[in-house]
């Protein structure tokens, strides 16, 4: 059993260290790609009357030349006054315009239809995406645009989830966001993008056309951001990048309960059904090693205390890598939040994972789902 525990620790460490090296391969500071491009910010909104005003005000206050910017809001069949709020802003800002759609489209995700509609209307050479419940910082657009040189096809950045429920829950969401960013930044650092946050993502319109746009992506309720990243990173003439700049970060409202967190995680994990075999194998090895180390550590309490040592080393490695990433991102988290997340990580994946791959996925109340 001890040999098995050591082998699992080696597999786990190799995967984590691969991501760490990918993170360290990328610069901390903002780049300057030269001349600023024309940027189209595309936001798909459905029943976001409570949030969208804050998003619109943040976009209107961006530090970016107005003649190089347009904001495209796609109202996806809202029934709560979202459309009226956007119309009032559009009357004040000439570079903001509203598109209204009245059908869910042909895909499992109606959001894909909304995004496709917005992209088709966009005039920018660079497309930048966020969600209607996000409030981007003033230099957000500029932080994306500055990274675009002739070879840049896609640019991703950090989008931590937050909660006002409690300091402890907010800390848990931050550590979980860092864990997701570790995979995103680490894989992008090797030029092999796996995942990213669609609420803080940009790419060239030409790069999207080169992968046959959204029609060339898997038909899934969730994961179009991941699929775009993976497809563009496979194109030899395009590079993908990740930013650690504070100005590029877009905080997002996270789930307020563990049940809501599980539903969100189930939806996010469901995109893994359509990942390439190599990515699936990588995730399978990682989770098998993680669960194996947990199980052997528990067995070590009764059989051989040495079985606990590889598990302790695993936790130290997790802490070291997440701390390194947090420093590059200029964010802070405390060790109690880390241990809370470390404990819940295998539990929530066990609860959400099977349903994500084999169950029915729901996007929002009243939205389309898929079995």
Protein backbone atom coordinates (compact mmCIF):
# COMPACT_ATOMS: atom_id res chain seq x y z
CA UNK A 1 0.00 0.00 0.00
CA UNK A 2 2.87 2.34 0.73
CA UNK A 3 4.31 1.82 -2.76
CA UNK A 4 0.89 2.56 -4.26
CA UNK A 5 0.64 5.71 -2.19
CA UNK A 6 4.06 6.86 -3.41
CA UNK A 7 3.14 6.15 -7.04
CA UNK A 8 -0.10 8.11 -6.71
CA UNK A 9 1.80 11.00 -5.13
CA UNK A 10 4.26 11.02 -8.05
CA UNK A 11 1.43 11.10 -10.63
CA UNK A 12 -0.31 13.89 -8.74
CA UNK A 13 2.90 15.89 -8.34
CA UNK A 14 3.82 15.60 -12.02
CA UNK A 15 0.44 17.02 -13.08
CA UNK A 16 0.56 19.88 -10.57
CA UNK A 17 4.17 20.73 -11.41
CA UNK A 18 3.32 20.72 -15.12
CA UNK A 19 0.70 23.40 -14.41
CA UNK A 20 3.08 25.34 -12.16
CA UNK A 21 5.74 25.49 -14.88
CA UNK A 22 3.10 26.66 -17.35
CA UNK A 23 2.17 29.45 -14.93
CA UNK A 24 5.78 30.50 -14.43
CA UNK A 25 6.45 30.53 -18.19
CA UNK A 26 4.24 33.61 -18.54
CA UNK A 27 5.14 37.21 -17.58
CA UNK A 28 3.46 38.93 -14.64
CA UNK A 29 3.13 42.39 -16.18
CA UNK A 30 0.95 43.76 -18.93
CA UNK A 31 2.25 43.47 -22.47
CA UNK A 32 2.00 46.08 -25.18
CA UNK A 33 1.02 44.67 -28.53
CA UNK A 34 1.45 48.05 -30.23
CA UNK A 35 -1.45 49.79 -31.93
CA UNK A 36 -4.75 49.34 -30.10
CA UNK A 37 -7.37 47.29 -32.00
CA UNK A 38 -11.05 48.02 -32.49
CA UNK A 39 -12.81 46.06 -29.73
CA UNK A 40 -16.38 44.79 -29.60
CA UNK A 41 -17.59 43.91 -26.10
CA UNK A 42 -20.35 41.31 -26.35
CA UNK A 43 -22.68 40.63 -23.42
CA UNK A 44 -25.50 38.09 -23.55
CA UNK A 45 -28.20 38.91 -21.01
CA UNK A 46 -31.32 37.09 -19.95
CA UNK A 47 -33.46 38.40 -17.09
CA UNK A 48 -30.58 40.41 -15.61
CA UNK A 49 -32.51 43.55 -14.63
CA UNK A 50 -31.08 43.38 -11.11
CA UNK A 51 -27.44 43.32 -12.30
CA UNK A 52 -27.09 44.80 -15.76
CA UNK A 53 -27.09 48.47 -14.81
CA UNK A 54 -23.88 47.98 -12.84
CA UNK A 55 -22.31 46.17 -15.79
CA UNK A 56 -23.34 48.91 -18.25
CA UNK A 57 -22.00 51.69 -16.03
CA UNK A 58 -18.68 49.86 -15.72
CA UNK A 59 -18.45 49.42 -19.49
CA UNK A 60 -19.34 53.06 -20.10
CA UNK A 61 -16.54 54.12 -17.71
CA UNK A 62 -13.80 52.14 -19.43
CA UNK A 63 -10.43 53.75 -20.09
CA UNK A 64 -10.40 53.00 -23.81
CA UNK A 65 -10.71 55.23 -26.88
CA UNK A 66 -14.40 55.58 -27.76
CA UNK A 67 -13.69 55.47 -31.50
CA UNK A 68 -12.12 52.01 -31.07
CA UNK A 69 -14.95 50.54 -28.99
CA UNK A 70 -18.47 49.25 -29.37
CA UNK A 71 -20.62 47.49 -26.79
CA UNK A 72 -23.10 44.91 -28.06
CA UNK A 73 -25.78 43.75 -25.61
CA UNK A 74 -27.85 40.78 -26.72
CA UNK A 75 -31.16 40.47 -24.90
CA UNK A 76 -32.03 36.78 -24.85
CA UNK A 77 -35.83 36.82 -24.43
CA UNK A 78 -35.82 38.69 -21.10
CA UNK A 79 -39.14 39.21 -19.34
CA UNK A 80 -38.02 41.34 -16.38
CA UNK A 81 -37.18 44.75 -17.84
CA UNK A 82 -33.60 44.01 -18.91
CA UNK A 83 -34.36 45.28 -22.40
CA UNK A 84 -35.72 48.60 -21.17
CA UNK A 85 -32.69 49.25 -18.97
CA UNK A 86 -30.30 48.63 -21.87
CA UNK A 87 -32.38 50.84 -24.17
CA UNK A 88 -32.10 53.75 -21.74
CA UNK A 89 -28.32 53.40 -21.70
CA UNK A 90 -28.12 53.05 -25.47
CA UNK A 91 -29.84 56.42 -25.79
CA UNK A 92 -26.95 57.99 -23.82
CA UNK A 93 -23.97 56.14 -25.29
CA UNK A 94 -23.75 56.03 -29.05
CA UNK A 95 -21.25 53.14 -29.08
CA UNK A 96 -23.65 50.90 -27.15
CA UNK A 97 -26.41 49.11 -29.00
CA UNK A 98 -28.97 46.45 -28.21
CA UNK A 99 -29.91 43.34 -30.16
CA UNK A 100 -33.10 41.52 -29.20
CA UNK A 101 -33.67 37.87 -30.10
CA UNK A 102 -36.94 36.04 -29.75
CA UNK A 103 -35.96 32.38 -30.14
CA UNK A 104 -33.69 29.96 -28.28
CA UNK A 105 -31.83 28.87 -31.39
CA UNK A 106 -30.83 25.44 -32.59
CA UNK A 107 -28.33 24.49 -29.87
CA UNK A 108 -28.64 22.96 -26.42
CA UNK A 109 -27.52 26.29 -24.93
CA UNK A 110 -29.60 29.34 -25.79
CA UNK A 111 -26.65 31.47 -24.64
CA UNK A 112 -24.65 30.16 -27.59
CA UNK A 113 -27.33 31.47 -29.90
CA UNK A 114 -27.19 34.86 -28.16
CA UNK A 115 -23.41 35.03 -28.41
CA UNK A 116 -23.44 33.98 -32.06
CA UNK A 117 -25.96 36.75 -32.80
CA UNK A 118 -23.83 39.33 -31.01
CA UNK A 119 -20.63 38.21 -32.73
CA UNK A 120 -22.28 38.33 -36.14
CA UNK A 121 -23.24 41.96 -35.50
CA UNK A 122 -19.88 42.98 -34.02
CA UNK A 123 -17.48 45.11 -36.06
CA UNK A 124 -14.37 44.74 -33.92
CA UNK A 125 -11.31 42.74 -34.87
CA UNK A 126 -11.12 41.70 -31.21
CA UNK A 127 -14.18 40.30 -29.44
CA UNK A 128 -14.32 40.70 -25.65
CA UNK A 129 -16.84 38.89 -23.46
CA UNK A 130 -18.23 39.27 -19.97
CA UNK A 131 -21.49 38.47 -18.18
CA UNK A 132 -24.31 40.86 -17.35
CA UNK A 133 -23.78 40.37 -13.62
CA UNK A 134 -20.09 41.35 -13.76
CA UNK A 135 -18.56 44.79 -13.12
CA UNK A 136 -15.25 45.04 -15.02
CA UNK A 137 -12.61 47.46 -13.66
CA UNK A 138 -11.83 50.66 -15.62
CA UNK A 139 -8.74 49.33 -17.44
CA UNK A 140 -10.28 45.97 -18.29
CA UNK A 141 -10.71 46.53 -22.04
CA UNK A 142 -7.29 48.15 -22.36
CA UNK A 143 -5.68 45.27 -20.43
CA UNK A 144 -7.03 42.82 -22.98
CA UNK A 145 -6.38 44.95 -26.06
CA UNK A 146 -2.74 45.66 -25.18
CA UNK A 147 -1.90 41.96 -25.47
CA UNK A 148 -2.92 41.63 -29.09
CA UNK A 149 -0.12 41.44 -31.59
CA UNK A 150 -0.34 39.78 -35.01
CA UNK A 151 -0.03 36.25 -33.58
CA UNK A 152 -2.39 36.54 -30.61
CA UNK A 153 -5.59 34.62 -31.18
CA UNK A 154 -7.06 34.48 -27.68
CA UNK A 155 -6.50 36.12 -24.32
CA UNK A 156 -7.91 34.89 -20.99
CA UNK A 157 -7.79 36.38 -17.49
CA UNK A 158 -8.81 35.72 -13.90
CA UNK A 159 -12.44 35.99 -12.79
CA UNK A 160 -12.80 35.14 -9.08
CA UNK A 161 -16.20 34.33 -7.65
CA UNK A 162 -17.28 36.23 -4.56
CA UNK A 163 -20.05 36.00 -1.99
CA UNK A 164 -21.44 38.27 0.72
CA UNK A 165 -22.86 35.31 2.62
CA UNK A 166 -19.88 35.02 4.97
CA UNK A 167 -16.15 35.59 5.03
CA UNK A 168 -15.56 31.86 5.19
CA UNK A 169 -17.73 31.04 2.16
CA UNK A 170 -16.20 33.93 0.23
CA UNK A 171 -12.75 32.54 1.03
CA UNK A 172 -13.77 29.09 -0.16
CA UNK A 173 -15.02 30.49 -3.47
CA UNK A 174 -11.77 32.42 -3.93
CA UNK A 175 -9.62 29.32 -3.41
CA UNK A 176 -11.83 27.34 -5.79
CA UNK A 177 -11.49 30.14 -8.36
CA UNK A 178 -7.72 29.98 -7.94
CA UNK A 179 -7.80 26.22 -8.51
CA UNK A 180 -9.69 26.73 -11.78
CA UNK A 181 -7.27 29.50 -12.77
CA UNK A 182 -4.36 27.16 -12.05
CA UNK A 183 -5.58 24.79 -14.78
CA UNK A 184 -6.38 27.69 -17.11
CA UNK A 185 -3.11 29.59 -16.72
CA UNK A 186 -0.97 26.47 -16.45
CA UNK A 187 -2.26 24.86 -19.63
CA UNK A 188 -2.28 28.14 -21.57
CA UNK A 189 1.32 28.66 -20.50
CA UNK A 190 2.20 25.56 -22.51
CA UNK A 191 0.07 26.73 -25.45
CA UNK A 192 -2.38 23.87 -24.78
CA UNK A 193 -5.47 25.64 -23.50
CA UNK A 194 -7.94 23.49 -21.56
CA UNK A 195 -10.32 25.81 -19.74
CA UNK A 196 -10.96 29.51 -19.08
CA UNK A 197 -13.59 31.87 -17.68
CA UNK A 198 -16.03 32.94 -20.39
CA UNK A 199 -16.94 36.05 -18.39
CA UNK A 200 -13.39 37.38 -18.85
CA UNK A 201 -12.27 36.27 -22.28
CA UNK A 202 -11.33 37.81 -25.62
CA UNK A 203 -10.28 36.51 -29.02
CA UNK A 204 -9.78 37.69 -32.55
CA UNK A 205 -12.80 37.49 -34.78
CA UNK A 206 -10.55 36.00 -37.46
CA UNK A 207 -9.44 33.25 -35.06
CA UNK A 208 -13.08 32.39 -34.41
CA UNK A 209 -13.76 32.26 -38.15
CA UNK A 210 -10.75 29.97 -38.59
CA UNK A 211 -12.39 27.36 -36.33
CA UNK A 212 -15.74 27.63 -38.17
CA UNK A 213 -17.18 29.88 -35.46
CA UNK A 214 -19.69 28.43 -32.98
CA UNK A 215 -20.98 25.93 -35.54
CA UNK A 216 -17.64 24.14 -35.23
CA UNK A 217 -18.00 23.66 -31.46
CA UNK A 218 -19.65 20.76 -29.59
CA UNK A 219 -23.35 21.20 -28.88
CA UNK A 220 -23.27 21.49 -25.10
CA UNK A 221 -25.22 23.40 -22.45
CA UNK A 222 -21.95 24.70 -21.02
CA UNK A 223 -18.31 25.09 -22.03
CA UNK A 224 -18.29 27.15 -25.23
CA UNK A 225 -15.48 29.26 -23.75
CA UNK A 226 -13.42 26.10 -23.16
CA UNK A 227 -14.16 24.77 -26.64
CA UNK A 228 -13.14 28.05 -28.30
CA UNK A 229 -9.90 28.10 -26.30
CA UNK A 230 -9.07 24.49 -27.15
CA UNK A 231 -9.86 24.95 -30.85
CA UNK A 232 -7.85 28.17 -31.24
CA UNK A 233 -4.89 26.74 -29.31
CA UNK A 234 -4.77 23.91 -31.86
CA UNK A 235 -4.28 26.41 -34.69
CA UNK A 236 -0.53 26.66 -35.40
CA UNK A 237 -0.68 30.31 -36.50
CA UNK A 238 -2.46 31.57 -33.36
CA UNK A 239 -1.08 31.95 -29.82
CA UNK A 240 -3.16 31.91 -26.64
CA UNK A 241 -2.23 34.00 -23.59
CA UNK A 242 -3.21 34.41 -19.95
CA UNK A 243 -2.94 37.62 -17.94
CA UNK A 244 -2.08 37.98 -14.26
CA UNK A 245 -2.64 41.75 -14.27
CA UNK A 246 -4.97 43.10 -11.59
CA UNK A 247 -6.56 45.48 -14.09
CA UNK A 248 -7.66 42.52 -16.24
CA UNK A 249 -9.50 40.70 -13.44
CA UNK A 250 -13.32 40.61 -13.41
CA UNK A 251 -14.91 39.53 -10.10
CA UNK A 252 -18.21 37.70 -10.40
CA UNK A 253 -21.09 37.03 -8.04
CA UNK A 254 -20.73 33.44 -6.88
CA UNK A 255 -23.38 30.98 -5.65
CA UNK A 256 -24.65 31.77 -2.16
CA UNK A 257 -25.29 28.20 -0.99
CA UNK A 258 -23.47 24.89 -1.29
CA UNK A 259 -26.45 23.45 -3.20
CA UNK A 260 -26.26 26.29 -5.74
CA UNK A 261 -22.50 25.78 -5.95
CA UNK A 262 -23.04 22.09 -6.76
CA UNK A 263 -25.53 22.93 -9.52
CA UNK A 264 -23.07 25.40 -11.02
CA UNK A 265 -20.18 22.96 -10.74
CA UNK A 266 -22.26 20.22 -12.34
CA UNK A 267 -22.99 22.50 -15.28
CA UNK A 268 -19.35 23.51 -15.67
CA UNK A 269 -18.08 19.93 -15.43
CA UNK A 270 -20.61 18.77 -18.03
CA UNK A 271 -18.52 20.33 -20.80
CA UNK A 272 -15.92 17.64 -20.09
CA UNK A 273 -18.10 15.18 -21.97
CA UNK A 274 -16.84 16.78 -25.17
CA UNK A 275 -13.16 17.26 -24.30
CA UNK A 276 -10.44 15.52 -26.28
CA UNK A 277 -9.37 12.10 -25.04
CA UNK A 278 -5.97 13.39 -23.85
CA UNK A 279 -7.63 16.00 -21.64
CA UNK A 280 -10.08 13.44 -20.25
CA UNK A 281 -7.21 11.08 -19.44
CA UNK A 282 -5.34 13.90 -17.70
CA UNK A 283 -8.34 14.77 -15.54
CA UNK A 284 -8.97 11.08 -14.81
CA UNK A 285 -5.38 10.55 -13.66
CA UNK A 286 -5.50 13.66 -11.50
CA UNK A 287 -8.74 12.72 -9.74
CA UNK A 288 -7.74 9.08 -9.38
CA UNK A 289 -4.48 10.13 -7.71
CA UNK A 290 -6.27 12.63 -5.48
CA UNK A 291 -8.96 10.19 -4.31
CA UNK A 292 -6.38 7.45 -3.92
CA UNK A 293 -4.21 9.59 -1.67
CA UNK A 294 -7.24 10.53 0.42
CA UNK A 295 -8.31 6.90 0.79
CA UNK A 296 -4.84 5.68 1.70
CA UNK A 297 -4.39 8.50 4.21
CA UNK A 298 -7.59 7.40 5.96
CA UNK A 299 -6.36 3.80 5.87
CA UNK A 300 -3.10 5.02 7.36
CA UNK A 301 -4.92 6.02 10.52
CA UNK A 302 -5.60 2.33 11.15
CA UNK A 303 -2.92 0.40 9.23
CA UNK A 304 0.34 2.27 8.70
CA UNK A 305 0.87 5.92 9.60
CA UNK A 306 3.44 6.25 6.80
CA UNK A 307 0.52 6.21 4.35
CA UNK A 308 -0.40 9.66 5.61
CA UNK A 309 2.92 11.20 4.53
CA UNK A 310 2.25 11.32 0.73
CA UNK A 311 -1.13 12.90 1.48
CA UNK A 312 0.54 15.58 3.62
CA UNK A 313 3.03 16.24 0.84
CA UNK A 314 0.13 16.57 -1.62
CA UNK A 315 -1.51 19.23 0.56
CA UNK A 316 1.76 21.13 0.85
CA UNK A 317 2.16 21.06 -2.91
CA UNK A 318 -1.39 22.33 -3.41
CA UNK A 319 -0.76 25.16 -0.98
CA UNK A 320 2.55 26.09 -2.59
CA UNK A 321 1.19 26.23 -6.15
CA UNK A 322 -2.01 28.08 -5.25
CA UNK A 323 -0.02 30.55 -3.14
CA UNK A 324 2.37 31.15 -6.04
CA UNK A 325 -0.55 31.79 -8.37
CA UNK A 326 -2.23 34.09 -5.84
CA UNK A 327 0.93 36.19 -5.58
CA UNK A 328 1.12 36.53 -9.36
CA UNK A 329 -2.52 37.61 -9.37
CA UNK A 330 -2.03 39.96 -6.40
CA UNK A 331 -4.81 38.32 -4.38
CA UNK A 332 -4.73 36.91 -0.86
CA UNK A 333 -6.33 33.94 0.85
CA UNK A 334 -5.81 32.46 4.29
CA UNK A 335 -4.81 28.95 5.22
CA UNK A 336 -8.13 28.15 6.93
CA UNK A 337 -10.00 28.81 3.68
CA UNK A 338 -7.49 26.63 1.86
CA UNK A 339 -8.06 23.67 4.21
CA UNK A 340 -11.83 24.15 3.99
CA UNK A 341 -11.56 23.97 0.20
CA UNK A 342 -9.11 21.03 0.34
CA UNK A 343 -11.64 19.07 2.41
CA UNK A 344 -14.64 19.89 0.21
CA UNK A 345 -12.87 19.47 -3.15
CA UNK A 346 -13.14 15.65 -3.38
CA UNK A 347 -16.64 15.77 -1.87
CA UNK A 348 -18.16 18.22 -4.33
CA UNK A 349 -16.56 16.50 -7.31
CA UNK A 350 -17.97 13.19 -6.12
CA UNK A 351 -21.42 14.77 -5.78
CA UNK A 352 -21.36 16.78 -9.03
CA UNK A 353 -19.18 14.70 -11.33
CA UNK A 354 -21.43 11.71 -12.15
CA UNK A 355 -24.43 13.96 -12.79
CA UNK A 356 -22.32 16.25 -14.96
CA UNK A 357 -21.37 13.41 -17.29
CA UNK A 358 -24.53 11.32 -17.22
CA UNK A 359 -27.35 13.47 -15.85
CA UNK A 360 -29.60 16.28 -17.00
CA UNK A 361 -28.05 19.75 -17.05
CA UNK A 362 -30.01 22.93 -16.30
CA UNK A 363 -28.65 26.38 -17.18
CA UNK A 364 -31.18 28.68 -15.57
CA UNK A 365 -34.77 28.44 -14.52
CA UNK A 366 -36.78 28.36 -17.70
CA UNK A 367 -33.81 27.80 -19.96
CA UNK A 368 -33.01 24.85 -22.11
CA UNK A 369 -31.38 21.76 -20.71
CA UNK A 370 -29.95 18.60 -22.09
CA UNK A 371 -29.78 15.01 -21.00
